[in-house]
Amino acid sequence: MQRRTILSMTTAAVLALGLSPANAATVAEGDTLADTQTFSYRLLDQFPTLDPQLNEETAGSHVLRQIMEGLMIQEANGDLRPGVATGFEASEGNTVYTFTLRDDAKWSNGDPVVAQDFVNAWRRAADPATASPYAWYVELTQMKNAKEIVAGEMEPSELGVEAVDDHTLKVTLNQPVPYFPAMTSYATLMPIHMPTVEKYGSDWTSPENYVGNGAYKLSELALNEYFKLVKNPEYWDAENVIIDEVTGLIINDVNQALTRYESGEYDMLEPLPAGTFPRLKEERPDEAKSVPRLCSYYYAVNQREDAKPELKDPRVRRALSLAVDRDIIVDQILQGGQKPGYYFSHNATAGFEAPDIDYANWTQAERDEKAKELIEEAGVENLDLKLIYNTDENHKKIATVLSQMWKQKLGVDVTLSNMEWSTYLDVRRGGNFDLARVAWCGDYNEASTFLDILTTDQEQNDGKWSNEEYDKVIAASKTSENPAAEYKKAEEILSEDMGIIPIYHYANTFLLNPAIKGFPMENVENNWYVKDFYRVAD
């Protein structure tokens, strides 16, 4: 079965590890450690929350990966390795998973991490009272009764997860999900210290109250400025954690961010300003990096009841997509190894078979000609659209170029509206747009992580595109012996109806101080753990 092969080596490796520890940083032979062990990096936006069950975006996930630890985590190449769990067993046709938890895992306040902490967290994520933007993720795992709980039809206590004892967690699924262990590495399924949450309520994520179980503790947090983490002495593998302190700086202006990196203010800058990678690679060959990144950049098209009627016409949506010259975006604006996007799933997704998208093989002149024909067929004149994006120079450049393409080729006027991250998320969720910049990064390395979010009832489907045939194909993939075939069909339906406008597939372009060792260059999900890093002496 296709799904089995995706994680076959990963699962086997984890099972083979048994109770072996998953050590943190390993210093390479010949490396001399610096006297001061710190790591610092730049963030584009302030993460809205450090509550794992409320987090929904990448910046927060990066921090949560340092201060919280799930059942499983990842190796440098993306394979699974033990986190709080030392291993797991799958039974009853991959519908029951039994995880064995290590007996030396502790919370930062010294309390033991036990199986019930995961039960509490997962129930909390599914509970409508929590209002988790990632409740759908719990449903996606196919845990027993998750769908009914998320819908408010059953109590969270009925979720298919139980603490057999303090160090044994049993999970029951509705149907086989061979990649379920990989899903446990994501923030939504990280444990929670419920006494802290109950004591402090929404203030539990403040530095003075935060109780985590990761390699680091939250020490300081200044909104829209910086945060600081310090090594957690209670972490089960603390003796192998080398970096003592982590600092994140929030810098919205990408050009200012580059200037401050070049002055030596911090160790890592991602992403790079659009178009700068070729120059930086030449000037800083040991620092400039470009690696595949499991994210797709696209524009959501508003399909809600009150959306503009023109956008509900698939001919108009298709025309807008055809008029996008993706080669200009990736080759002239970004210049960092990104690939043109003609379908949704990232081309580097494990086991993914690319669909045959007709217009992907056309010349841009042919696409433009067809786009004009479709607009004329639809009888569209004087179309004005509002395009929203979060504040970032790269997003601005892309939006500006695309608005010019649509104006020149189709006569469509586009008003650009940028806003800071939290506001942008609220506006996008509320549907106050015609077009919205969106990027989706895989929560695990399998095509369903992309395609599931565009089903009709999916909360992350901000444009509210709905296609009955698409929904049926995605539903069929859940029990298919070869889901790659369903994924391919789903991409073809999505392209024909143009539910979204795909723009490009990410490459991760960044600058990294050569003194920092242990960064996982082969992890396409860009899941990094500072506990694996160390700083070498100059």
Protein backbone atom coordinates (compact mmCIF):
# COMPACT_ATOMS: atom_id res chain seq x y z
CA MET A 1 0.00 0.00 0.00
CA GLN A 2 1.25 3.46 -0.84
CA ARG A 3 0.65 4.89 2.61
CA ARG A 4 2.60 2.08 4.20
CA THR A 5 5.64 2.74 2.06
CA ILE A 6 5.74 6.42 2.97
CA LEU A 7 6.66 5.68 6.56
CA SER A 8 7.95 2.14 6.30
CA MET A 9 11.57 3.01 7.03
CA THR A 10 10.54 5.55 9.63
CA THR A 11 8.27 3.19 11.54
CA ALA A 12 10.75 0.36 11.40
CA ALA A 13 13.50 2.59 12.68
CA VAL A 14 11.43 3.79 15.63
CA LEU A 15 10.34 0.29 16.58
CA ALA A 16 13.91 -0.92 16.33
CA LEU A 17 15.03 1.82 18.71
CA GLY A 18 12.97 0.35 21.51
CA LEU A 19 13.99 2.14 24.69
CA SER A 20 17.13 3.69 23.21
CA PRO A 21 17.43 7.42 23.90
CA ALA A 22 17.14 9.96 21.09
CA ASN A 23 20.12 12.09 22.05
CA ALA A 24 20.31 15.78 21.31
CA ALA A 25 23.37 17.50 19.84
CA THR A 26 26.29 15.40 18.66
CA VAL A 27 29.52 17.31 18.19
CA ALA A 28 31.36 16.34 15.01
CA GLU A 29 34.94 15.16 15.24
CA GLY A 30 37.32 18.09 14.99
CA ASP A 31 34.79 20.73 16.09
CA THR A 32 35.70 22.92 19.06
CA LEU A 33 32.78 24.31 21.02
CA ALA A 34 32.52 28.04 21.57
CA ASP A 35 32.66 29.25 25.15
CA THR A 36 29.21 30.85 24.81
CA GLN A 37 26.46 28.61 23.47
CA THR A 38 23.66 30.75 22.05
CA PHE A 39 21.44 30.73 18.97
CA SER A 40 19.40 33.63 17.65
CA TYR A 41 17.13 34.09 14.65
CA ARG A 42 14.72 36.50 12.99
CA LEU A 43 10.93 36.13 12.80
CA LEU A 44 8.81 38.04 10.31
CA ASP A 45 5.79 38.27 12.63
CA GLN A 46 4.88 37.86 16.27
CA PHE A 47 3.37 34.43 16.84
CA PRO A 48 -0.21 34.85 18.15
CA THR A 49 0.08 32.15 20.82
CA LEU A 50 2.31 29.55 22.44
CA ASP A 51 -0.64 27.38 23.46
CA PRO A 52 -0.06 24.20 21.41
CA GLN A 53 -3.78 23.52 21.01
CA LEU A 54 -4.44 27.08 19.78
CA ASN A 55 -1.42 27.48 17.52
CA GLU A 56 -2.09 27.46 13.78
CA GLU A 57 0.99 28.94 12.12
CA THR A 58 4.65 28.33 11.42
CA ALA A 59 6.35 30.90 13.66
CA GLY A 60 4.58 29.56 16.74
CA SER A 61 5.33 25.98 15.72
CA HIS A 62 9.06 26.70 15.60
CA VAL A 63 8.99 28.00 19.18
CA LEU A 64 6.70 25.26 20.46
CA ARG A 65 9.08 22.66 19.09
CA GLN A 66 11.70 23.98 21.53
CA ILE A 67 9.57 24.37 24.66
CA MET A 68 7.20 21.44 24.19
CA GLU A 69 7.79 17.85 23.07
CA GLY A 70 5.31 15.43 21.54
CA LEU A 71 5.28 11.66 21.47
CA MET A 72 7.48 11.60 18.38
CA ILE A 73 9.87 14.16 16.93
CA GLN A 74 12.02 14.18 13.80
CA GLU A 75 15.53 13.35 12.69
CA ALA A 76 17.52 15.76 10.53
CA ASN A 77 16.21 14.02 7.40
CA GLY A 78 12.58 14.09 8.57
CA ASP A 79 12.41 10.48 9.76
CA LEU A 80 10.70 9.89 13.07
CA ARG A 81 12.57 9.47 16.34
CA PRO A 82 11.40 9.12 19.92
CA GLY A 83 10.27 12.18 21.81
CA VAL A 84 8.35 11.58 25.02
CA ALA A 85 7.55 8.14 23.63
CA THR A 86 10.37 5.65 23.30
CA GLY A 87 8.46 3.74 20.62
CA PHE A 88 5.07 2.44 19.57
CA GLU A 89 3.28 -0.64 18.33
CA ALA A 90 0.60 -0.67 15.62
CA SER A 91 -2.07 -3.36 15.73
CA GLU A 92 -5.48 -4.28 14.34
CA GLY A 93 -4.54 -3.14 10.85
CA ASN A 94 -3.05 0.20 11.83
CA THR A 95 -6.19 1.24 13.72
CA VAL A 96 -4.74 0.89 17.22
CA TYR A 97 -1.45 2.49 18.29
CA THR A 98 0.12 1.89 21.67
CA PHE A 99 2.89 4.32 22.68
CA THR A 100 5.34 3.63 25.50
CA LEU A 101 6.36 6.81 27.32
CA ARG A 102 9.78 7.27 28.84
CA ASP A 103 9.81 7.29 32.64
CA ASP A 104 12.29 10.18 32.92
CA ALA A 105 10.24 12.81 31.04
CA LYS A 106 9.42 15.81 33.22
CA TRP A 107 7.65 19.13 33.00
CA SER A 108 9.75 22.22 33.58
CA ASN A 109 8.34 22.47 37.13
CA GLY A 110 9.57 18.96 37.92
CA ASP A 111 6.27 17.09 37.58
CA PRO A 112 6.45 13.84 35.61
CA VAL A 113 5.05 13.80 32.08
CA VAL A 114 2.44 11.05 31.99
CA ALA A 115 0.07 9.56 29.44
CA GLN A 116 -2.89 11.49 30.87
CA ASP A 117 -1.17 14.75 29.86
CA PHE A 118 -1.59 13.70 26.23
CA VAL A 119 -5.16 12.57 26.79
CA ASN A 120 -5.98 15.97 28.32
CA ALA A 121 -4.32 17.85 25.48
CA TRP A 122 -6.00 15.91 22.68
CA ARG A 123 -9.42 16.15 24.29
CA ARG A 124 -8.83 19.86 24.77
CA ALA A 125 -7.91 20.30 21.09
CA ALA A 126 -11.11 18.55 19.96
CA ASP A 127 -13.40 20.25 22.47
CA PRO A 128 -15.49 23.01 20.79
CA ALA A 129 -15.20 25.00 24.03
CA THR A 130 -11.47 25.43 23.35
CA ALA A 131 -12.19 26.91 19.90
CA SER A 132 -8.96 25.48 18.55
CA PRO A 133 -8.33 26.56 14.94
CA TYR A 134 -6.73 23.13 14.54
CA ALA A 135 -9.59 21.01 15.90
CA TRP A 136 -9.90 19.71 12.35
CA TYR A 137 -6.42 18.23 12.73
CA VAL A 138 -7.64 15.97 15.51
CA GLU A 139 -10.48 14.89 13.24
CA LEU A 140 -7.97 14.31 10.44
CA THR A 141 -6.12 11.76 12.57
CA GLN A 142 -9.25 9.58 12.38
CA MET A 143 -9.26 9.14 16.15
CA LYS A 144 -12.44 7.44 17.27
CA ASN A 145 -15.30 9.91 17.84
CA ALA A 146 -13.14 12.93 16.90
CA LYS A 147 -15.55 14.09 14.21
CA GLU A 148 -18.54 13.94 16.54
CA ILE A 149 -16.69 15.70 19.36
CA VAL A 150 -15.49 18.53 17.11
CA ALA A 151 -19.08 18.92 15.89
CA GLY A 152 -20.30 19.18 19.49
CA GLU A 153 -22.28 15.94 19.28
CA MET A 154 -20.24 13.95 21.82
CA GLU A 155 -18.24 14.71 24.94
CA PRO A 156 -14.43 15.10 24.67
CA SER A 157 -14.08 12.22 27.13
CA GLU A 158 -15.26 9.92 24.33
CA LEU A 159 -12.18 10.61 22.17
CA GLY A 160 -10.35 7.44 21.14
CA VAL A 161 -7.32 7.93 23.37
CA GLU A 162 -6.70 6.53 26.84
CA ALA A 163 -3.98 6.39 29.45
CA VAL A 164 -3.57 2.68 30.15
CA ASP A 165 -1.13 3.69 32.86
CA ASP A 166 1.29 6.59 33.41
CA HIS A 167 3.64 5.37 30.69
CA THR A 168 1.28 3.72 28.20
CA LEU A 169 -0.95 5.64 25.79
CA LYS A 170 -3.45 3.78 23.61
CA VAL A 171 -5.00 5.41 20.54
CA THR A 172 -7.93 3.94 18.62
CA LEU A 173 -8.69 5.09 15.07
CA ASN A 174 -11.79 4.71 12.94
CA GLN A 175 -9.76 3.47 10.00
CA PRO A 176 -6.11 2.74 9.17
CA VAL A 177 -3.78 5.74 9.19
CA PRO A 178 -0.24 4.37 8.77
CA TYR A 179 1.24 7.87 9.06
CA PHE A 180 -0.49 8.60 12.39
CA PRO A 181 2.78 8.47 14.40
CA ALA A 182 4.17 11.25 12.19
CA MET A 183 1.13 13.38 12.97
CA THR A 184 1.95 13.27 16.69
CA SER A 185 5.03 15.45 16.15
CA TYR A 186 2.83 18.46 15.32
CA ALA A 187 2.02 21.11 17.95
CA THR A 188 -1.70 20.30 18.23
CA LEU A 189 -0.91 16.86 19.65
CA MET A 190 1.74 18.02 22.11
CA PRO A 191 0.88 17.41 25.80
CA ILE A 192 -0.47 20.01 28.20
CA HIS A 193 0.17 20.61 31.90
CA MET A 194 -3.49 20.93 32.82
CA PRO A 195 -2.99 22.19 36.43
CA THR A 196 -1.19 25.23 35.01
CA VAL A 197 -3.90 25.89 32.43
CA GLU A 198 -6.62 25.57 35.07
CA LYS A 199 -4.79 27.85 37.48
CA TYR A 200 -3.91 30.70 35.12
CA GLY A 201 -6.45 30.41 32.30
CA SER A 202 -5.39 32.30 29.19
CA ASP A 203 -2.42 33.75 31.10
CA TRP A 204 -0.79 30.35 31.40
CA THR A 205 1.39 31.10 28.35
CA SER A 206 3.06 34.10 30.04
CA PRO A 207 6.77 33.47 30.73
CA GLU A 208 6.30 33.56 34.49
CA ASN A 209 3.57 30.89 34.29
CA TYR A 210 4.59 28.70 31.36
CA VAL A 211 5.16 25.01 32.10
CA GLY A 212 6.54 23.03 29.16
CA ASN A 213 8.31 19.73 28.66
CA GLY A 214 10.77 20.66 25.92
CA ALA A 215 14.51 21.19 25.95
CA TYR A 216 14.01 24.91 26.66
CA LYS A 217 11.88 27.13 28.89
CA LEU A 218 10.19 30.40 27.95
CA SER A 219 12.14 33.09 29.80
CA GLU A 220 11.13 36.45 28.30
CA LEU A 221 8.56 37.73 25.81
CA ALA A 222 8.10 41.29 24.54
CA LEU A 223 5.28 41.46 21.99
CA ASN A 224 6.41 42.38 18.48
CA GLU A 225 10.00 42.74 19.71
CA TYR A 226 11.65 39.53 20.92
CA PHE A 227 11.45 36.39 23.02
CA LYS A 228 14.07 34.42 24.90
CA LEU A 229 14.33 30.74 25.82
CA VAL A 230 16.75 29.16 28.29
CA LYS A 231 17.84 25.58 28.73
CA ASN A 232 15.40 23.46 30.73
CA PRO A 233 17.32 21.54 33.44
CA GLU A 234 14.33 19.20 33.91
CA TYR A 235 14.39 17.99 30.29
CA TRP A 236 15.07 14.25 30.12
CA ASP A 237 18.07 14.71 27.80
CA ALA A 238 19.34 18.01 29.24
CA GLU A 239 22.91 16.74 29.61
CA ASN A 240 23.17 16.43 25.83
CA VAL A 241 21.66 19.85 25.05
CA ILE A 242 24.51 22.23 24.24
CA ILE A 243 22.87 25.54 23.28
CA ASP A 244 22.02 27.35 26.53
CA GLU A 245 19.97 30.27 25.24
CA VAL A 246 17.72 30.98 22.23
CA THR A 247 16.60 34.44 21.14
CA GLY A 248 14.04 35.31 18.49
CA LEU A 249 13.78 38.86 17.09
CA ILE A 250 10.60 40.03 15.37
CA ILE A 251 11.55 42.20 12.39
CA ASN A 252 8.80 42.93 9.85
CA ASP A 253 11.00 44.65 7.26
CA VAL A 254 12.93 41.99 5.37
CA ASN A 255 15.55 44.43 4.05
CA GLN A 256 16.20 45.76 7.54
CA ALA A 257 16.39 42.15 8.69
CA LEU A 258 19.14 41.45 6.14
CA THR A 259 21.10 44.53 7.21
CA ARG A 260 20.92 43.47 10.84
CA TYR A 261 22.02 39.92 9.99
CA GLU A 262 24.98 41.25 8.03
CA SER A 263 25.97 43.31 11.07
CA GLY A 264 26.14 40.08 13.09
CA GLU A 265 23.07 40.71 15.25
CA TYR A 266 21.73 37.16 14.96
CA ASP A 267 22.55 33.74 13.51
CA MET A 268 19.74 32.89 11.06
CA LEU A 269 17.62 34.88 8.65
CA GLU A 270 14.73 33.30 6.76
CA PRO A 271 13.33 33.95 4.30
CA LEU A 272 15.68 36.14 2.29
CA PRO A 273 14.50 39.30 0.53
CA ALA A 274 13.14 38.39 -2.90
CA GLY A 275 15.83 38.25 -5.57
CA THR A 276 18.80 38.43 -3.19
CA PHE A 277 19.77 34.76 -3.06
CA PRO A 278 22.06 34.72 -6.15
CA ARG A 279 24.05 37.70 -4.85
CA LEU A 280 24.21 36.41 -1.30
CA LYS A 281 25.25 32.95 -2.47
CA GLU A 282 28.17 34.54 -4.30
CA GLU A 283 29.09 36.87 -1.45
CA ARG A 284 28.45 34.43 1.40
CA PRO A 285 28.77 30.91 -0.02
CA ASP A 286 29.10 29.31 3.41
CA GLU A 287 25.98 31.06 4.74
CA ALA A 288 23.41 31.30 1.92
CA LYS A 289 21.24 28.18 1.68
CA SER A 290 18.41 27.03 -0.59
CA VAL A 291 16.69 23.73 0.22
CA PRO A 292 13.24 22.30 -0.64
CA ARG A 293 10.49 23.44 1.72
CA LEU A 294 7.18 21.59 2.02
CA CYS A 295 5.02 24.68 1.50
CA SER A 296 2.85 25.91 -1.36
CA TYR A 297 2.10 29.58 -2.04
CA TYR A 298 -1.32 30.35 -3.48
CA TYR A 299 -4.20 32.80 -3.61
CA ALA A 300 -7.53 31.85 -2.09
CA VAL A 301 -10.53 33.01 -4.10
CA ASN A 302 -13.59 34.05 -2.11
CA GLN A 303 -16.47 31.66 -2.82
CA ARG A 304 -18.71 32.56 0.10
CA GLU A 305 -22.38 33.42 -0.32
CA ASP A 306 -21.66 37.16 -0.36
CA ALA A 307 -18.65 36.87 -2.69
CA LYS A 308 -18.58 38.70 -5.99
CA PRO A 309 -20.63 36.72 -8.51
CA GLU A 310 -17.86 36.91 -11.11
CA LEU A 311 -15.56 34.90 -8.83
CA LYS A 312 -18.12 32.12 -8.59
CA ASP A 313 -17.69 31.55 -12.33
CA PRO A 314 -14.92 28.95 -12.85
CA ARG A 315 -14.07 30.60 -16.16
CA VAL A 316 -13.10 33.79 -14.34
CA ARG A 317 -11.05 31.94 -11.73
CA ARG A 318 -9.31 29.98 -14.46
CA ALA A 319 -8.59 33.15 -16.42
CA LEU A 320 -6.98 34.77 -13.38
CA SER A 321 -4.78 31.72 -12.88
CA LEU A 322 -3.79 31.42 -16.54
CA ALA A 323 -2.74 35.05 -16.65
CA VAL A 324 -0.17 34.52 -13.89
CA ASP A 325 3.32 34.23 -15.35
CA ARG A 326 4.82 31.99 -12.69
CA ASP A 327 8.26 31.97 -14.32
CA ILE A 328 8.54 35.70 -13.68
CA ILE A 329 7.66 35.12 -10.02
CA VAL A 330 10.24 32.39 -9.39
CA ASP A 331 13.00 33.38 -11.83
CA GLN A 332 12.94 37.18 -11.66
CA ILE A 333 11.42 38.07 -8.28
CA LEU A 334 12.27 35.24 -5.87
CA GLN A 335 15.38 33.71 -7.49
CA GLY A 336 15.88 31.17 -4.73
CA GLY A 337 15.17 27.78 -6.28
CA GLN A 338 11.37 27.93 -6.00
CA LYS A 339 9.30 25.99 -8.56
CA PRO A 340 6.26 27.29 -10.51
CA GLY A 341 3.02 25.99 -8.99
CA TYR A 342 0.39 24.50 -11.27
CA TYR A 343 -1.06 22.19 -8.62
CA PHE A 344 -1.41 22.43 -4.86
CA SER A 345 0.70 19.68 -3.25
CA HIS A 346 4.39 20.48 -3.08
CA ASN A 347 6.42 18.65 -5.69
CA ALA A 348 8.73 17.25 -2.97
CA THR A 349 5.89 15.60 -1.01
CA ALA A 350 6.70 11.97 -0.19
CA GLY A 351 4.98 9.51 -2.51
CA PHE A 352 3.25 12.24 -4.51
CA GLU A 353 2.57 11.64 -8.19
CA ALA A 354 2.23 14.90 -10.09
CA PRO A 355 -1.05 15.30 -11.98
CA ASP A 356 -1.24 16.08 -15.67
CA ILE A 357 -2.27 19.75 -15.66
CA ASP A 358 -2.90 20.89 -19.23
CA TYR A 359 -1.92 24.56 -18.93
CA ALA A 360 1.34 23.68 -17.18
CA ASN A 361 2.67 22.55 -20.57
CA TRP A 362 1.52 25.65 -22.50
CA THR A 363 3.59 28.70 -23.29
CA GLN A 364 2.68 31.82 -21.35
CA ALA A 365 1.41 33.37 -24.57
CA GLU A 366 -1.00 30.44 -24.96
CA ARG A 367 -2.15 30.83 -21.36
CA ASP A 368 -2.73 34.55 -21.83
CA GLU A 369 -4.74 34.01 -24.98
CA LYS A 370 -6.96 31.43 -23.30
CA ALA A 371 -7.39 33.71 -20.27
CA LYS A 372 -8.71 36.50 -22.47
CA GLU A 373 -11.10 34.11 -24.20
CA LEU A 374 -12.49 32.93 -20.87
CA ILE A 375 -13.03 36.46 -19.56
CA GLU A 376 -14.87 37.38 -22.74
CA GLU A 377 -16.98 34.20 -22.56
CA ALA A 378 -17.92 35.06 -18.99
CA GLY A 379 -18.96 38.55 -20.08
CA VAL A 380 -16.85 40.20 -17.39
CA GLU A 381 -16.21 43.92 -17.59
CA ASN A 382 -14.95 46.44 -15.05
CA LEU A 383 -14.05 43.83 -12.44
CA ASP A 384 -12.50 45.29 -9.28
CA LEU A 385 -10.91 42.94 -6.77
CA LYS A 386 -9.50 43.35 -3.27
CA LEU A 387 -6.33 41.36 -2.60
CA ILE A 388 -5.14 41.02 1.00
CA TYR A 389 -1.71 39.91 2.22
CA ASN A 390 0.25 40.10 5.46
CA THR A 391 2.96 42.74 5.66
CA ASP A 392 6.11 41.50 3.97
CA GLU A 393 8.17 42.93 1.12
CA ASN A 394 8.18 39.63 -0.77
CA HIS A 395 4.38 39.32 -0.59
CA LYS A 396 4.07 42.95 -1.70
CA LYS A 397 6.29 42.41 -4.74
CA ILE A 398 4.35 39.35 -5.86
CA ALA A 399 0.97 40.99 -5.30
CA THR A 400 2.07 44.09 -7.19
CA VAL A 401 3.32 42.12 -10.18
CA LEU A 402 0.21 39.93 -10.32
CA SER A 403 -2.11 42.94 -10.11
CA GLN A 404 -0.24 44.43 -13.09
CA MET A 405 -0.56 41.17 -15.05
CA TRP A 406 -4.31 41.01 -14.43
CA LYS A 407 -4.76 44.67 -15.37
CA GLN A 408 -2.72 44.49 -18.57
CA LYS A 409 -3.99 41.12 -19.79
CA LEU A 410 -7.57 41.00 -18.53
CA GLY A 411 -8.50 44.56 -17.64
CA VAL A 412 -9.08 43.56 -14.02
CA ASP A 413 -8.35 46.22 -11.39
CA VAL A 414 -6.88 44.99 -8.10
CA THR A 415 -6.67 46.97 -4.86
CA LEU A 416 -3.87 45.74 -2.60
CA SER A 417 -4.35 45.70 1.17
CA ASN A 418 -1.63 44.67 3.57
CA MET A 419 -1.95 44.21 7.33
CA GLU A 420 0.00 42.82 10.25
CA TRP A 421 -0.17 39.08 10.84
CA SER A 422 -2.83 38.72 13.53
CA THR A 423 -5.17 41.19 11.85
CA TYR A 424 -4.61 39.52 8.49
CA LEU A 425 -5.54 36.11 9.92
CA ASP A 426 -8.75 37.51 11.39
CA VAL A 427 -9.72 39.28 8.16
CA ARG A 428 -8.93 36.22 6.07
CA ARG A 429 -10.93 33.93 8.33
CA GLY A 430 -13.83 36.39 8.20
CA GLY A 431 -13.87 36.34 4.40
CA ASN A 432 -13.37 40.08 3.93
CA PHE A 433 -11.47 39.72 0.67
CA ASP A 434 -11.79 38.76 -2.97
CA LEU A 435 -8.32 37.25 -3.19
CA ALA A 436 -6.06 36.38 -0.25
CA ARG A 437 -2.42 35.40 -0.12
CA VAL A 438 -2.06 32.05 1.60
CA ALA A 439 0.80 29.66 2.17
CA TRP A 440 0.24 26.15 3.41
CA CYS A 441 3.09 24.17 4.94
CA GLY A 442 2.71 20.44 5.44
CA ASP A 443 1.99 19.33 9.00
CA TYR A 444 3.37 15.94 7.97
CA ASN A 445 4.98 14.65 4.78
CA GLU A 446 2.04 13.21 2.81
CA ALA A 447 -0.19 14.80 0.15
CA SER A 448 -3.30 14.70 2.34
CA THR A 449 -1.76 17.45 4.48
CA PHE A 450 -2.37 19.77 1.52
CA LEU A 451 -5.46 18.38 -0.16
CA ASP A 452 -7.58 17.82 2.96
CA ILE A 453 -7.70 21.54 3.78
CA LEU A 454 -9.68 22.35 0.62
CA THR A 455 -12.63 20.07 1.37
CA THR A 456 -15.95 21.84 1.85
CA ASP A 457 -16.18 21.80 5.65
CA GLN A 458 -12.51 22.38 6.37
CA GLU A 459 -11.89 25.39 8.61
CA GLN A 460 -8.61 26.23 6.87
CA ASN A 461 -10.46 26.55 3.55
CA ASP A 462 -10.68 30.34 3.85
CA GLY A 463 -12.06 30.87 0.34
CA LYS A 464 -14.86 28.33 1.06
CA TRP A 465 -14.44 26.70 -2.33
CA SER A 466 -16.70 23.66 -2.49
CA ASN A 467 -16.74 20.82 -5.00
CA GLU A 468 -18.75 17.68 -4.31
CA GLU A 469 -16.64 15.48 -6.58
CA TYR A 470 -13.43 16.69 -4.91
CA ASP A 471 -14.87 15.90 -1.46
CA LYS A 472 -15.79 12.38 -2.58
CA VAL A 473 -12.33 11.70 -3.98
CA ILE A 474 -10.63 12.91 -0.79
CA ALA A 475 -13.01 10.79 1.30
CA ALA A 476 -12.19 7.76 -0.86
CA SER A 477 -8.45 8.33 -0.34
CA LYS A 478 -8.85 7.62 3.37
CA THR A 479 -9.53 3.94 2.78
CA SER A 480 -7.74 3.49 -0.54
CA GLU A 481 -5.03 0.89 -1.09
CA ASN A 482 -3.33 3.43 -3.36
CA PRO A 483 -4.27 6.95 -2.22
CA ALA A 484 -1.77 8.48 -4.67
CA ALA A 485 -4.31 7.84 -7.41
CA GLU A 486 -7.02 9.72 -5.51
CA TYR A 487 -4.63 12.56 -4.75
CA LYS A 488 -3.82 12.87 -8.43
CA LYS A 489 -7.52 12.95 -9.33
CA ALA A 490 -8.20 15.55 -6.63
CA GLU A 491 -5.49 17.82 -8.04
CA GLU A 492 -7.04 17.52 -11.51
CA ILE A 493 -10.49 18.48 -10.18
CA LEU A 494 -8.99 21.39 -8.25
CA SER A 495 -7.20 22.62 -11.37
CA GLU A 496 -10.22 22.28 -13.63
CA ASP A 497 -12.50 24.18 -11.24
CA MET A 498 -9.62 26.43 -10.14
CA GLY A 499 -10.61 26.32 -6.49
CA ILE A 500 -7.42 28.21 -5.67
CA ILE A 501 -4.76 29.97 -7.74
CA PRO A 502 -1.46 28.12 -7.12
CA ILE A 503 1.59 30.36 -7.54
CA TYR A 504 4.76 28.49 -6.55
CA HIS A 505 6.26 25.70 -4.45
CA TYR A 506 8.64 26.89 -1.78
CA ALA A 507 12.34 26.54 -1.46
CA ASN A 508 13.72 27.62 1.89
CA THR A 509 16.23 30.38 1.23
CA PHE A 510 18.06 31.55 4.30
CA LEU A 511 21.33 32.72 5.81
CA LEU A 512 22.91 30.70 8.61
CA ASN A 513 25.98 31.61 10.61
CA PRO A 514 28.63 28.94 9.82
CA ALA A 515 29.39 28.77 13.54
CA ILE A 516 25.99 27.09 14.08
CA LYS A 517 26.15 23.34 13.47
CA GLY A 518 23.41 20.72 13.42
CA PHE A 519 20.79 22.47 11.29
CA PRO A 520 18.67 19.85 9.43
CA MET A 521 19.21 20.78 5.78
CA GLU A 522 17.38 17.66 4.52
CA ASN A 523 14.17 18.16 6.49
CA VAL A 524 11.69 19.34 3.85
CA GLU A 525 9.19 20.29 6.56
CA ASN A 526 11.79 22.69 8.02
CA ASN A 527 11.25 21.19 11.46
CA TRP A 528 14.35 22.07 13.45
CA TYR A 529 15.19 21.49 17.10
CA VAL A 530 17.72 23.79 18.73
CA LYS A 531 18.61 20.95 21.10
CA ASP A 532 20.41 19.41 18.09
CA PHE A 533 22.50 22.57 17.48
CA TYR A 534 25.83 23.72 18.83
CA ARG A 535 28.12 26.69 18.25
CA VAL A 536 31.75 26.21 17.28
CA ALA A 537 34.60 28.49 18.26
CA ASP A 538 35.77 31.11 15.75
